[in-house]
Amino acid sequence: MTVDSARTIVLLRHAKADWPEVPDHERPLADRGRQDAPAAGRRFTDDGITLDLALCSTAARTRETWKLVAHELPHRPRTVYEERLYEATLGDLIALLGETPDDVGSLLLVGHNPGVHALADALAGSADADALARMKRAGFPTAAFAVITFSGSWKTVEHGVGRLTGFWAPHEA
């Protein structure tokens, strides 16, 4: 893979979390989240999304989401649990993308709002069909994901560099 190769970023927001009396970082998925996460994984497979690397927040709800999504995939990519994804700002997320090795062609980022939605908005300089309108209408709910493609090195990721080629949400009307 060269630095000019086509690349894919999949941005997945964690599934619906419960609100027990635990620190925010330790919140588990709610029953609906445990249903929606595997549905997202099946959609990855149906859409032919393959992944080289998954970066997942260390929060309990993101780890549980990724475990349920990954179970539905024909090939589980290498996974790195990254504590910097928890409460990451848009700038933090772009910086993390820039650290991705250039031998990675497709990257999944499992994180939280508002950062995941902000990153999808920032990177999508253009969009296929109605993907951008659907993403804006849905507001990036839990277990939703956006697929963004771009060409170049991960170090060149910046605002408007990508094309939003897909958006899916589990309860999208």
C-alpha atoms as a PDB file:
ATOM      1  CA  MET A   1       0.000   0.000   0.000  1.00  0.00           C
ATOM      2  CA  THR A   2       1.428   3.382  -0.985  1.00  0.00           C
ATOM      3  CA  VAL A   3       0.857   6.759   0.647  1.00  0.00           C
ATOM      4  CA  ASP A   4      -1.408   7.679  -2.320  1.00  0.00           C
ATOM      5  CA  SER A   5      -3.659   4.623  -1.914  1.00  0.00           C
ATOM      6  CA  ALA A   6      -7.407   4.840  -1.407  1.00  0.00           C
ATOM      7  CA  ARG A   7      -8.317   4.521   2.256  1.00  0.00           C
ATOM      8  CA  THR A   8     -11.495   3.993   4.240  1.00  0.00           C
ATOM      9  CA  ILE A   9     -12.438   5.316   7.657  1.00  0.00           C
ATOM     10  CA  VAL A  10     -15.464   3.815   9.392  1.00  0.00           C
ATOM     11  CA  LEU A  11     -16.706   5.869  12.338  1.00  0.00           C
ATOM     12  CA  LEU A  12     -18.910   3.883  14.723  1.00  0.00           C
ATOM     13  CA  ARG A  13     -20.630   5.406  17.714  1.00  0.00           C
ATOM     14  CA  HIS A  14     -21.052   2.987  20.625  1.00  0.00           C
ATOM     15  CA  ALA A  15     -24.458   1.341  21.016  1.00  0.00           C
ATOM     16  CA  LYS A  16     -27.074   2.532  23.525  1.00  0.00           C
ATOM     17  CA  ALA A  17     -25.662   2.513  27.048  1.00  0.00           C
ATOM     18  CA  ASP A  18     -27.373   2.008  30.380  1.00  0.00           C
ATOM     19  CA  TRP A  19     -27.201   4.534  33.250  1.00  0.00           C
ATOM     20  CA  PRO A  20     -26.389   2.512  36.406  1.00  0.00           C
ATOM     21  CA  GLU A  21     -24.674   4.103  39.403  1.00  0.00           C
ATOM     22  CA  VAL A  22     -21.139   3.624  38.051  1.00  0.00           C
ATOM     23  CA  PRO A  23     -18.538   6.069  36.716  1.00  0.00           C
ATOM     24  CA  ASP A  24     -19.302   7.144  33.132  1.00  0.00           C
ATOM     25  CA  HIS A  25     -16.302   5.241  31.760  1.00  0.00           C
ATOM     26  CA  GLU A  26     -17.728   1.984  33.166  1.00  0.00           C
ATOM     27  CA  ARG A  27     -21.309   2.279  31.858  1.00  0.00           C
ATOM     28  CA  PRO A  28     -22.406  -0.980  30.151  1.00  0.00           C
ATOM     29  CA  LEU A  29     -24.711  -1.336  27.169  1.00  0.00           C
ATOM     30  CA  ALA A  30     -28.460  -1.279  27.656  1.00  0.00           C
ATOM     31  CA  ASP A  31     -30.597  -4.120  26.268  1.00  0.00           C
ATOM     32  CA  ARG A  32     -31.290  -2.074  23.117  1.00  0.00           C
ATOM     33  CA  GLY A  33     -27.554  -1.558  22.665  1.00  0.00           C
ATOM     34  CA  ARG A  34     -26.965  -5.304  22.879  1.00  0.00           C
ATOM     35  CA  GLN A  35     -29.454  -5.713  20.002  1.00  0.00           C
ATOM     36  CA  ASP A  36     -28.243  -2.791  17.865  1.00  0.00           C
ATOM     37  CA  ALA A  37     -24.502  -3.558  17.979  1.00  0.00           C
ATOM     38  CA  PRO A  38     -24.765  -6.972  16.260  1.00  0.00           C
ATOM     39  CA  ALA A  39     -27.113  -5.377  13.697  1.00  0.00           C
ATOM     40  CA  ALA A  40     -24.352  -2.874  12.902  1.00  0.00           C
ATOM     41  CA  GLY A  41     -21.898  -5.749  12.476  1.00  0.00           C
ATOM     42  CA  ARG A  42     -24.265  -7.533  10.112  1.00  0.00           C
ATOM     43  CA  ARG A  43     -24.619  -4.312   8.130  1.00  0.00           C
ATOM     44  CA  PHE A  44     -20.813  -4.049   7.863  1.00  0.00           C
ATOM     45  CA  THR A  45     -20.813  -7.549   6.371  1.00  0.00           C
ATOM     46  CA  ASP A  46     -23.780  -6.849   4.060  1.00  0.00           C
ATOM     47  CA  ASP A  47     -22.081  -3.677   2.792  1.00  0.00           C
ATOM     48  CA  GLY A  48     -18.793  -5.529   2.184  1.00  0.00           C
ATOM     49  CA  ILE A  49     -16.878  -3.421   4.717  1.00  0.00           C
ATOM     50  CA  THR A  50     -13.541  -5.010   5.549  1.00  0.00           C
ATOM     51  CA  LEU A  51     -11.198  -3.603   8.138  1.00  0.00           C
ATOM     52  CA  ASP A  52      -7.444  -3.710   8.658  1.00  0.00           C
ATOM     53  CA  LEU A  53      -7.396  -2.057  12.087  1.00  0.00           C
ATOM     54  CA  ALA A  54      -9.934  -1.136  14.761  1.00  0.00           C
ATOM     55  CA  LEU A  55      -9.271   1.634  17.276  1.00  0.00           C
ATOM     56  CA  CYS A  56     -11.702   1.345  20.169  1.00  0.00           C
ATOM     57  CA  SER A  57     -12.205   3.596  23.174  1.00  0.00           C
ATOM     58  CA  THR A  58     -11.443   1.963  26.508  1.00  0.00           C
ATOM     59  CA  ALA A  59     -14.912   2.786  27.896  1.00  0.00           C
ATOM     60  CA  ALA A  60     -16.978  -0.286  28.786  1.00  0.00           C
ATOM     61  CA  ARG A  61     -19.795   0.601  26.361  1.00  0.00           C
ATOM     62  CA  THR A  62     -17.425   0.933  23.391  1.00  0.00           C
ATOM     63  CA  ARG A  63     -15.561  -2.280  24.205  1.00  0.00           C
ATOM     64  CA  GLU A  64     -18.872  -4.152  24.507  1.00  0.00           C
ATOM     65  CA  THR A  65     -20.155  -2.593  21.264  1.00  0.00           C
ATOM     66  CA  TRP A  66     -17.012  -3.625  19.390  1.00  0.00           C
ATOM     67  CA  LYS A  67     -17.140  -7.183  20.774  1.00  0.00           C
ATOM     68  CA  LEU A  68     -20.732  -7.583  19.520  1.00  0.00           C
ATOM     69  CA  VAL A  69     -19.978  -5.976  16.131  1.00  0.00           C
ATOM     70  CA  ALA A  70     -16.803  -8.014  15.615  1.00  0.00           C
ATOM     71  CA  HIS A  71     -18.652 -11.267  16.335  1.00  0.00           C
ATOM     72  CA  GLU A  72     -20.696 -10.639  13.149  1.00  0.00           C
ATOM     73  CA  LEU A  73     -17.681 -10.047  10.876  1.00  0.00           C
ATOM     74  CA  PRO A  74     -16.112 -12.747   8.704  1.00  0.00           C
ATOM     75  CA  HIS A  75     -12.639 -11.425   9.620  1.00  0.00           C
ATOM     76  CA  ARG A  76     -11.812  -9.620  12.859  1.00  0.00           C
ATOM     77  CA  PRO A  77      -9.152  -6.947  12.343  1.00  0.00           C
ATOM     78  CA  ARG A  78      -6.320  -6.189  14.720  1.00  0.00           C
ATOM     79  CA  THR A  79      -7.787  -4.167  17.583  1.00  0.00           C
ATOM     80  CA  VAL A  80      -6.149  -1.453  19.663  1.00  0.00           C
ATOM     81  CA  TYR A  81      -7.947  -0.145  22.748  1.00  0.00           C
ATOM     82  CA  GLU A  82      -7.106   3.547  22.849  1.00  0.00           C
ATOM     83  CA  GLU A  83      -7.874   5.545  25.984  1.00  0.00           C
ATOM     84  CA  ARG A  84      -7.421   8.828  24.080  1.00  0.00           C
ATOM     85  CA  LEU A  85     -10.706   8.094  22.245  1.00  0.00           C
ATOM     86  CA  TYR A  86     -12.682   8.555  25.455  1.00  0.00           C
ATOM     87  CA  GLU A  87     -13.906  12.188  25.582  1.00  0.00           C
ATOM     88  CA  ALA A  88     -11.801  12.988  22.485  1.00  0.00           C
ATOM     89  CA  THR A  89     -12.306  16.305  20.738  1.00  0.00           C
ATOM     90  CA  LEU A  90     -12.369  16.704  16.968  1.00  0.00           C
ATOM     91  CA  GLY A  91      -8.710  17.760  17.054  1.00  0.00           C
ATOM     92  CA  ASP A  92      -7.788  14.737  19.177  1.00  0.00           C
ATOM     93  CA  LEU A  93      -9.496  12.405  16.703  1.00  0.00           C
ATOM     94  CA  ILE A  94      -7.807  13.926  13.653  1.00  0.00           C
ATOM     95  CA  ALA A  95      -4.458  13.638  15.458  1.00  0.00           C
ATOM     96  CA  LEU A  96      -5.126   9.939  16.194  1.00  0.00           C
ATOM     97  CA  LEU A  97      -6.000   9.289  12.545  1.00  0.00           C
ATOM     98  CA  GLY A  98      -2.714  10.914  11.579  1.00  0.00           C
ATOM     99  CA  GLU A  99      -0.835   8.336  13.671  1.00  0.00           C
ATOM    100  CA  THR A 100      -2.257   5.430  11.650  1.00  0.00           C
ATOM    101  CA  PRO A 101       0.454   3.458   9.807  1.00  0.00           C
ATOM    102  CA  ASP A 102       0.300   3.795   6.022  1.00  0.00           C
ATOM    103  CA  ASP A 103       0.024   0.020   5.568  1.00  0.00           C
ATOM    104  CA  VAL A 104      -3.537   0.300   6.978  1.00  0.00           C
ATOM    105  CA  GLY A 105      -6.066   0.685   4.177  1.00  0.00           C
ATOM    106  CA  SER A 106      -9.247   0.589   6.223  1.00  0.00           C
ATOM    107  CA  LEU A 107      -9.661   1.805   9.780  1.00  0.00           C
ATOM    108  CA  LEU A 108     -12.559   1.525  12.206  1.00  0.00           C
ATOM    109  CA  LEU A 109     -12.838   4.027  15.021  1.00  0.00           C
ATOM    110  CA  VAL A 110     -15.284   3.038  17.799  1.00  0.00           C
ATOM    111  CA  GLY A 111     -15.983   6.086  19.909  1.00  0.00           C
ATOM    112  CA  HIS A 112     -18.372   8.585  21.413  1.00  0.00           C
ATOM    113  CA  ASN A 113     -20.399  11.630  20.521  1.00  0.00           C
ATOM    114  CA  PRO A 114     -19.986  14.502  20.057  1.00  0.00           C
ATOM    115  CA  GLY A 115     -16.529  13.633  18.694  1.00  0.00           C
ATOM    116  CA  VAL A 116     -17.534  10.889  16.238  1.00  0.00           C
ATOM    117  CA  HIS A 117     -20.261  13.023  14.656  1.00  0.00           C
ATOM    118  CA  ALA A 118     -17.994  16.073  14.521  1.00  0.00           C
ATOM    119  CA  LEU A 119     -15.284  14.014  12.814  1.00  0.00           C
ATOM    120  CA  ALA A 120     -17.708  12.638  10.215  1.00  0.00           C
ATOM    121  CA  ASP A 121     -18.971  16.159   9.469  1.00  0.00           C
ATOM    122  CA  ALA A 122     -15.446  17.566   9.296  1.00  0.00           C
ATOM    123  CA  LEU A 123     -13.964  14.919   7.008  1.00  0.00           C
ATOM    124  CA  ALA A 124     -16.870  14.677   4.545  1.00  0.00           C
ATOM    125  CA  GLY A 125     -16.011  17.245   1.903  1.00  0.00           C
ATOM    126  CA  SER A 126     -18.452  15.502  -0.449  1.00  0.00           C
ATOM    127  CA  ALA A 127     -20.992  12.704  -0.218  1.00  0.00           C
ATOM    128  CA  ASP A 128     -22.617   9.943  -2.258  1.00  0.00           C
ATOM    129  CA  ALA A 129     -26.357  10.064  -2.929  1.00  0.00           C
ATOM    130  CA  ASP A 130     -28.252  11.017   0.200  1.00  0.00           C
ATOM    131  CA  ALA A 131     -25.707   9.801   2.769  1.00  0.00           C
ATOM    132  CA  LEU A 132     -24.909  13.287   4.114  1.00  0.00           C
ATOM    133  CA  ALA A 133     -28.580  14.298   4.343  1.00  0.00           C
ATOM    134  CA  ARG A 134     -29.383  11.018   6.145  1.00  0.00           C
ATOM    135  CA  MET A 135     -26.509  11.536   8.572  1.00  0.00           C
ATOM    136  CA  LYS A 136     -27.591  15.090   9.325  1.00  0.00           C
ATOM    137  CA  ARG A 137     -31.247  14.060   9.708  1.00  0.00           C
ATOM    138  CA  ALA A 138     -30.411  11.125  12.002  1.00  0.00           C
ATOM    139  CA  GLY A 139     -27.980  13.130  14.152  1.00  0.00           C
ATOM    140  CA  PHE A 140     -25.543  10.186  14.520  1.00  0.00           C
ATOM    141  CA  PRO A 141     -27.465   8.106  17.072  1.00  0.00           C
ATOM    142  CA  THR A 142     -26.031   5.236  19.085  1.00  0.00           C
ATOM    143  CA  ALA A 143     -24.749   2.269  17.018  1.00  0.00           C
ATOM    144  CA  ALA A 144     -24.724   4.403  13.840  1.00  0.00           C
ATOM    145  CA  PHE A 145     -21.726   4.414  11.529  1.00  0.00           C
ATOM    146  CA  ALA A 146     -20.379   6.535   8.705  1.00  0.00           C
ATOM    147  CA  VAL A 147     -18.038   5.364   5.950  1.00  0.00           C
ATOM    148  CA  ILE A 148     -15.606   7.929   4.572  1.00  0.00           C
ATOM    149  CA  THR A 149     -13.072   7.363   1.801  1.00  0.00           C
ATOM    150  CA  PHE A 150     -10.054   9.436   0.850  1.00  0.00           C
ATOM    151  CA  SER A 151      -6.761   9.082  -1.001  1.00  0.00           C
ATOM    152  CA  GLY A 152      -3.392   9.795   0.512  1.00  0.00           C
ATOM    153  CA  SER A 153      -1.451   9.181   3.658  1.00  0.00           C
ATOM    154  CA  TRP A 154      -3.155   9.074   7.046  1.00  0.00           C
ATOM    155  CA  LYS A 155      -0.910  12.005   7.943  1.00  0.00           C
ATOM    156  CA  THR A 156      -2.823  14.127   5.381  1.00  0.00           C
ATOM    157  CA  VAL A 157      -6.238  13.660   7.017  1.00  0.00           C
ATOM    158  CA  GLU A 158      -7.825  17.076   7.463  1.00  0.00           C
ATOM    159  CA  HIS A 159     -11.166  18.853   7.144  1.00  0.00           C
ATOM    160  CA  GLY A 160     -12.959  18.112   3.873  1.00  0.00           C
ATOM    161  CA  VAL A 161     -10.447  15.494   2.644  1.00  0.00           C
ATOM    162  CA  GLY A 162     -12.972  12.655   2.388  1.00  0.00           C
ATOM    163  CA  ARG A 163     -16.116  11.503   0.673  1.00  0.00           C
ATOM    164  CA  LEU A 164     -18.992  10.163   2.764  1.00  0.00           C
ATOM    165  CA  THR A 165     -19.890   6.967   0.918  1.00  0.00           C
ATOM    166  CA  GLY A 166     -22.256   5.455   3.469  1.00  0.00           C
ATOM    167  CA  PHE A 167     -24.230   6.097   6.604  1.00  0.00           C
ATOM    168  CA  TRP A 168     -26.312   3.637   8.620  1.00  0.00           C
ATOM    169  CA  ALA A 169     -28.293   3.944  11.833  1.00  0.00           C
ATOM    170  CA  PRO A 170     -30.190   1.046  13.447  1.00  0.00           C
ATOM    171  CA  HIS A 171     -33.540   2.839  13.817  1.00  0.00           C
ATOM    172  CA  GLU A 172     -33.338   5.168  10.828  1.00  0.00           C
ATOM    173  CA  ALA A 173     -36.750   5.987   9.390  1.00  0.00           C
END
